[in-house]
Protein backbone atom coordinates (compact mmCIF):
# COMPACT_ATOMS: atom_id res chain seq x y z
CA MET A 1 131.10 127.10 69.73
CA SER A 2 132.57 124.75 72.34
CA GLY A 3 134.15 121.40 71.52
CA LYS A 4 131.07 119.62 72.84
CA GLU A 5 128.77 121.74 70.68
CA GLN A 6 130.95 121.06 67.61
CA ILE A 7 130.69 117.29 68.16
CA LEU A 8 126.91 117.44 68.62
CA GLN A 9 126.58 119.62 65.53
CA LYS A 10 128.52 117.08 63.44
CA ILE A 11 126.13 114.37 64.63
CA ARG A 12 123.13 116.54 63.68
CA ASP A 13 124.67 117.24 60.26
CA LEU A 14 125.24 113.53 59.61
CA ARG A 15 121.61 112.84 60.48
CA GLY A 16 120.43 115.66 58.24
CA ARG A 17 119.02 117.75 61.07
CA GLY A 18 121.00 120.92 60.53
CA PRO A 19 121.78 123.45 63.27
CA LEU A 20 120.07 123.38 66.65
CA THR A 21 117.31 126.00 66.65
CA ALA A 22 115.03 127.34 69.37
CA SER A 23 112.20 125.23 67.94
CA ASN A 24 113.90 121.84 68.01
CA ARG A 25 115.60 122.71 71.31
CA HIS A 26 112.10 123.14 72.80
CA MET A 27 111.11 119.75 71.37
CA LEU A 28 114.15 118.09 72.94
CA ASP A 29 113.55 119.76 76.31
CA LYS A 30 109.93 118.58 76.25
CA ARG A 31 110.96 115.02 75.45
CA LEU A 32 113.47 114.99 78.31
CA ALA A 33 110.85 116.34 80.71
CA ASP A 34 108.14 113.86 79.69
CA HIS A 35 110.35 110.73 79.97
CA PRO A 36 108.43 108.57 77.47
CA ARG A 37 108.50 104.89 78.48
CA ASN A 38 108.90 101.77 76.43
CA LEU A 39 107.06 98.54 77.15
CA VAL A 40 107.12 97.71 80.88
CA PRO A 41 106.51 94.01 81.69
CA ALA A 42 103.38 93.21 83.70
CA ARG A 43 105.42 91.64 86.48
CA ALA A 44 106.60 95.13 87.46
CA ASP A 45 103.06 96.42 88.09
CA GLY A 46 101.97 94.47 91.20
CA PRO A 47 101.06 95.88 94.64
CA HIS A 48 103.97 97.04 96.78
CA ALA A 49 103.90 94.03 99.10
CA GLU A 50 104.14 91.71 96.08
CA ARG A 51 106.98 93.79 94.67
CA ILE A 52 109.00 93.30 97.83
CA THR A 53 108.48 89.53 97.73
CA GLN A 54 109.38 89.45 94.05
CA PHE A 55 112.45 91.60 94.64
CA MET A 56 113.66 89.23 97.35
CA ASP A 57 112.99 86.17 95.19
CA TYR A 58 114.98 87.55 92.27
CA LEU A 59 117.79 88.58 94.60
CA ALA A 60 118.05 84.98 95.79
CA LYS A 61 117.99 83.65 92.21
CA ALA A 62 120.84 86.00 91.34
CA GLY A 63 122.96 84.59 94.17
CA ALA A 64 122.50 87.41 96.69
CA SER A 65 121.22 87.07 100.25
CA VAL A 66 118.66 89.29 101.93
CA PHE A 67 117.66 89.93 105.53
CA ARG A 68 114.73 92.06 106.74
CA VAL A 69 114.80 94.19 109.89
CA PRO A 70 111.84 96.11 111.35
CA LYS A 71 113.84 99.23 112.18
CA ALA A 72 116.86 101.05 110.78
CA SER A 73 118.42 101.05 114.25
CA GLN A 74 118.85 97.26 113.92
CA VAL A 75 121.05 97.49 110.82
CA PRO A 76 124.46 97.60 112.59
CA GLU A 77 123.48 94.52 114.61
CA ALA A 78 122.43 92.75 111.40
CA VAL A 79 125.73 93.69 109.78
CA ALA A 80 127.71 92.36 112.77
CA GLU A 81 125.74 89.12 112.76
CA PHE A 82 126.32 88.61 109.03
CA LEU A 83 130.06 89.11 109.50
CA ARG A 84 130.16 86.54 112.31
CA GLU A 85 128.17 84.00 110.29
CA HIS A 86 130.60 84.24 107.38
CA ASN A 87 133.76 84.48 109.48
CA LEU A 88 134.52 87.95 108.12
CA PRO A 89 136.56 90.63 109.91
CA GLY A 90 134.65 93.07 112.09
CA ARG A 91 135.84 96.06 110.07
CA VAL A 92 133.62 97.66 107.44
CA ARG A 93 134.19 100.52 105.04
CA THR A 94 131.02 102.59 104.58
CA THR A 95 129.60 105.57 102.78
CA SER A 96 128.95 108.79 104.69
CA ASP A 97 125.50 109.51 103.27
CA PRO A 98 122.75 110.33 105.81
CA ALA A 99 121.06 106.91 105.55
CA ILE A 100 124.27 105.20 106.74
CA ASP A 101 125.60 107.94 109.03
CA ALA A 102 122.42 108.00 111.12
CA LEU A 103 122.71 104.33 112.11
CA PRO A 104 123.85 103.51 115.70
CA TRP A 105 127.18 101.94 114.77
CA SER A 106 128.65 102.58 118.23
CA ASP A 107 126.17 100.09 119.74
CA GLN A 108 128.26 97.28 118.24
CA GLU A 109 131.47 97.37 120.26
CA LEU A 110 133.22 94.71 118.16
CA LEU A 111 132.34 96.40 114.86
CA GLU A 112 134.82 98.93 113.45
CA ARG A 113 133.44 101.43 110.94
CA VAL A 114 135.75 103.27 108.54
CA ILE A 115 134.38 105.94 106.20
CA GLY A 116 135.52 106.83 102.70
CA PRO A 117 136.38 105.37 99.28
CA ALA A 118 137.34 101.70 99.23
CA GLU A 119 140.97 100.70 99.60
CA LYS A 120 142.74 97.52 98.58
CA ALA A 121 142.76 96.11 102.11
CA ASP A 122 138.99 96.54 102.63
CA GLU A 123 137.15 93.23 102.70
CA VAL A 124 133.63 94.48 103.47
CA SER A 125 131.73 97.58 102.38
CA VAL A 126 128.36 98.90 103.53
CA THR A 127 126.40 101.28 101.32
CA SER A 128 122.85 102.46 100.79
CA ALA A 129 120.90 102.07 97.56
CA VAL A 130 118.62 104.54 95.80
CA ALA A 131 116.14 101.84 94.80
CA GLY A 132 115.50 98.13 94.48
CA ILE A 133 113.91 96.98 91.22
CA ALA A 134 111.40 94.15 91.63
CA GLU A 135 111.39 93.41 87.89
CA THR A 136 114.78 91.70 88.11
CA GLY A 137 115.95 91.91 91.74
CA THR A 138 118.35 94.70 90.81
CA LEU A 139 119.82 97.42 93.03
CA LEU A 140 120.33 100.97 91.79
CA LEU A 141 123.20 102.89 93.37
CA THR A 142 124.45 106.34 92.45
CA SER A 143 127.83 108.04 92.82
CA GLY A 144 128.35 111.22 94.77
CA LYS A 145 130.50 113.04 97.30
CA HIS A 146 129.29 110.78 100.11
CA THR A 147 128.77 107.60 98.04
CA PRO A 148 132.01 106.67 96.25
CA THR A 149 131.48 104.05 93.56
CA SER A 150 134.60 102.10 94.59
CA LEU A 151 132.66 100.75 97.59
CA ASN A 152 130.32 98.94 95.19
CA PHE A 153 133.05 96.97 93.45
CA LEU A 154 136.39 96.74 95.27
CA PRO A 155 135.65 94.86 98.55
CA GLU A 156 134.83 91.16 98.13
CA THR A 157 131.71 91.48 100.31
CA HIS A 158 129.18 94.22 99.61
CA ILE A 159 126.36 94.87 102.10
CA VAL A 160 123.57 97.14 100.86
CA VAL A 161 121.03 98.83 103.13
CA LEU A 162 117.70 99.55 101.44
CA ASP A 163 114.48 101.02 102.79
CA SER A 164 111.59 98.76 101.74
CA HIS A 165 109.75 101.85 100.48
CA GLY A 166 112.53 102.13 97.92
CA VAL A 167 111.48 98.90 96.20
CA VAL A 168 109.88 99.89 92.89
CA GLY A 169 108.47 97.86 90.03
CA SER A 170 110.51 98.71 86.95
CA TYR A 171 113.76 100.26 85.80
CA GLU A 172 111.77 103.27 84.64
CA ASP A 173 110.38 103.72 88.16
CA ALA A 174 113.89 103.60 89.59
CA LEU A 175 115.11 106.26 87.16
CA ASP A 176 112.19 108.45 88.20
CA VAL A 177 113.45 108.22 91.79
CA VAL A 178 116.88 109.43 90.66
CA ARG A 179 115.40 112.35 88.70
CA LYS A 180 113.39 113.49 91.71
CA GLN A 181 116.60 113.83 93.70
CA GLY A 182 117.75 116.66 91.45
CA ALA A 183 120.82 116.80 89.23
CA LEU A 184 121.77 113.46 87.72
CA PRO A 185 124.88 111.85 89.26
CA ARG A 186 127.99 111.06 87.25
CA THR A 187 127.42 107.32 87.63
CA LEU A 188 124.46 104.97 87.93
CA ASN A 189 125.26 101.39 88.97
CA PHE A 190 122.68 98.67 88.35
CA ILE A 191 123.73 95.62 90.39
CA THR A 192 122.05 92.23 90.06
CA GLY A 193 123.68 89.72 92.37
CA PRO A 194 127.39 89.20 93.11
CA SER A 195 129.99 89.39 90.35
CA ARG A 196 130.49 86.19 88.36
CA THR A 197 131.68 84.83 85.04
CA GLY A 198 131.50 81.52 83.22
CA ASP A 199 133.83 82.52 80.38
CA VAL A 200 136.66 80.16 81.33
CA GLU A 201 135.78 76.56 80.43
CA LEU A 202 132.12 77.30 81.33
CA THR A 203 133.08 77.10 85.01
CA MET A 204 131.28 79.65 87.17
CA GLU A 205 133.71 81.87 89.06
CA MET A 206 132.48 84.34 91.66
CA GLY A 207 134.05 87.76 92.20
CA ALA A 208 135.48 88.08 88.70
CA HIS A 209 134.76 91.79 88.25
CA GLY A 210 133.54 92.83 91.69
CA PRO A 211 132.23 91.45 95.01
CA ARG A 212 131.87 87.70 95.29
CA ARG A 213 129.22 88.15 97.99
CA LEU A 214 126.20 90.53 97.96
CA HIS A 215 123.98 90.90 101.02
CA VAL A 216 120.94 93.19 101.21
CA ILE A 217 119.46 94.42 104.49
CA LEU A 218 115.88 95.49 103.86
CA VAL A 219 114.52 97.98 106.41
CA ASP A 220 110.77 97.91 106.91
CA ASP A 221 110.26 101.21 108.74
């Protein structure tokens, strides 16, 4: 019996469930496959067009900004424009996943793209998201070989590219999207707005535990 199995067996013993048998293993496998849901609020059940509007509204309430583009090919231009508007350097650190790699970055001559995990000197990161959750205006990002989690938290400005078809109603819907992609990633990051805290003298401080600026580019095609 491995160390992991020993720990799980101790938990089963403490709960009075005894050893893991073929019968209760089948029950557990069935429960994992069925994904039973708890109560999902009605605001997560609207038509897709309403979900997108709701998602954008909650993003704004959480302190994030959002910009819609008709085509994915316009994303690098939108990134460059955002950097100019906020007087940010024209250098971005990005993921290497297909959604980001396929974009025409070379069309923006003044925009420098660097690929890989975030480093201390990086001020701006650009990543994709697995889903946007209309229920709360939350982004779901996953870790992987081409999507290092450091890009979600280390740079002070985080730009997220999201296909509008990826806007779902509830957290449960977003988790279904992850399951359909195959093996679960090591990390799931639920991000609602830029990082902030009001712990010190009830004064709101941005960027306390992550980016102080979150910008979402929503692609309609």
